[in-house]
Amino acid sequence: MTVQQQVPVSIAYKDLDIAGQRLDLIVEPGIVVELKAVEVVKKVHEAQLLGYLKSTGLRLGLLINFNNMVLTKGIKRIIN
């Protein structure tokens, strides 16, 4: 598998292209991985990953929160 780190991406919002965003990881064959270390994963974190999926055209994303006693409880799968 190929892994790319800090991949630059532009987010399309209405008629604007918002540059300067970076994806934490892209794991080939096309999984966007967003890494967090927060007390609680909020809807805004999920929306951020969903925006990345829409802007890249990829369908599968993993939101991984490392602030858990058991890592598997901190993984959320999001499909566009």
Protein backbone atom coordinates (compact mmCIF):
# COMPACT_ATOMS: atom_id res chain seq x y z
CA MET A 1 0.00 0.00 0.00
CA THR A 2 1.07 3.53 -0.69
CA VAL A 3 0.61 6.23 1.95
CA GLN A 4 0.77 9.97 1.27
CA GLN A 5 1.02 12.46 4.15
CA GLN A 6 -0.16 16.08 4.36
CA VAL A 7 -1.67 16.08 0.87
CA PRO A 8 -2.81 19.59 -0.19
CA VAL A 9 -6.42 19.86 -1.33
CA SER A 10 -8.87 22.65 -2.26
CA ILE A 11 -12.38 22.56 -0.89
CA ALA A 12 -15.18 23.76 -3.17
CA TYR A 13 -17.76 25.88 -1.34
CA LYS A 14 -20.50 27.42 -3.48
CA ASP A 15 -18.51 29.36 -6.14
CA LEU A 16 -15.27 29.49 -4.13
CA ASP A 17 -12.24 27.22 -4.02
CA ILE A 18 -10.74 27.28 -0.54
CA ALA A 19 -7.08 26.31 -0.72
CA GLY A 20 -4.70 25.61 2.12
CA GLN A 21 -6.34 22.48 3.50
CA ARG A 22 -4.24 19.35 3.97
CA LEU A 23 -5.34 15.75 4.27
CA ASP A 24 -3.59 13.91 7.09
CA LEU A 25 -3.19 10.68 5.11
CA ILE A 26 -4.32 9.07 1.88
CA VAL A 27 -3.88 5.31 1.87
CA GLU A 28 -4.03 3.79 -1.59
CA PRO A 29 -6.25 2.64 -3.21
CA GLY A 30 -8.13 5.72 -2.02
CA ILE A 31 -8.91 5.94 1.68
CA VAL A 32 -8.73 9.35 3.36
CA VAL A 33 -7.60 9.09 6.98
CA GLU A 34 -8.23 12.04 9.32
CA LEU A 35 -6.37 11.85 12.63
CA LYS A 36 -7.62 13.45 15.84
CA ALA A 37 -6.73 13.42 19.53
CA VAL A 38 -9.81 15.04 21.06
CA GLU A 39 -12.01 14.31 24.07
CA VAL A 40 -15.13 13.89 21.94
CA VAL A 41 -15.46 13.54 18.18
CA LYS A 42 -18.01 16.14 17.08
CA LYS A 43 -20.16 16.46 14.00
CA VAL A 44 -17.81 19.17 12.70
CA HIS A 45 -14.98 16.60 12.56
CA GLU A 46 -17.18 14.24 10.55
CA ALA A 47 -18.23 17.11 8.27
CA GLN A 48 -14.57 18.00 7.72
CA LEU A 49 -13.79 14.46 6.55
CA LEU A 50 -16.92 14.35 4.39
CA GLY A 51 -15.82 17.62 2.74
CA TYR A 52 -12.42 16.09 2.02
CA LEU A 53 -14.08 13.06 0.45
CA LYS A 54 -16.30 15.21 -1.76
CA SER A 55 -13.44 17.44 -2.88
CA THR A 56 -11.13 14.53 -3.75
CA GLY A 57 -13.79 12.33 -5.32
CA LEU A 58 -12.85 9.48 -3.00
CA ARG A 59 -15.58 7.47 -1.28
CA LEU A 60 -14.12 6.02 1.92
CA GLY A 61 -12.74 7.86 4.93
CA LEU A 62 -11.62 6.89 8.40
CA LEU A 63 -11.81 9.31 11.31
CA ILE A 64 -9.42 8.05 13.97
CA ASN A 65 -9.44 9.54 17.45
CA PHE A 66 -6.38 8.55 19.47
CA ASN A 67 -7.86 9.84 22.74
CA ASN A 68 -9.44 6.49 23.66
CA MET A 69 -8.41 3.70 26.00
CA VAL A 70 -9.12 1.20 23.20
CA LEU A 71 -8.14 2.49 19.76
CA THR A 72 -10.79 0.48 17.91
CA LYS A 73 -13.50 2.47 19.75
CA GLY A 74 -12.02 5.66 18.31
CA ILE A 75 -12.40 4.70 14.65
CA LYS A 76 -15.37 5.93 12.62
CA ARG A 77 -15.90 4.90 9.00
CA ILE A 78 -17.49 7.50 6.71
CA ILE A 79 -18.65 6.80 3.17
CA ASN A 80 -19.47 9.50 0.63
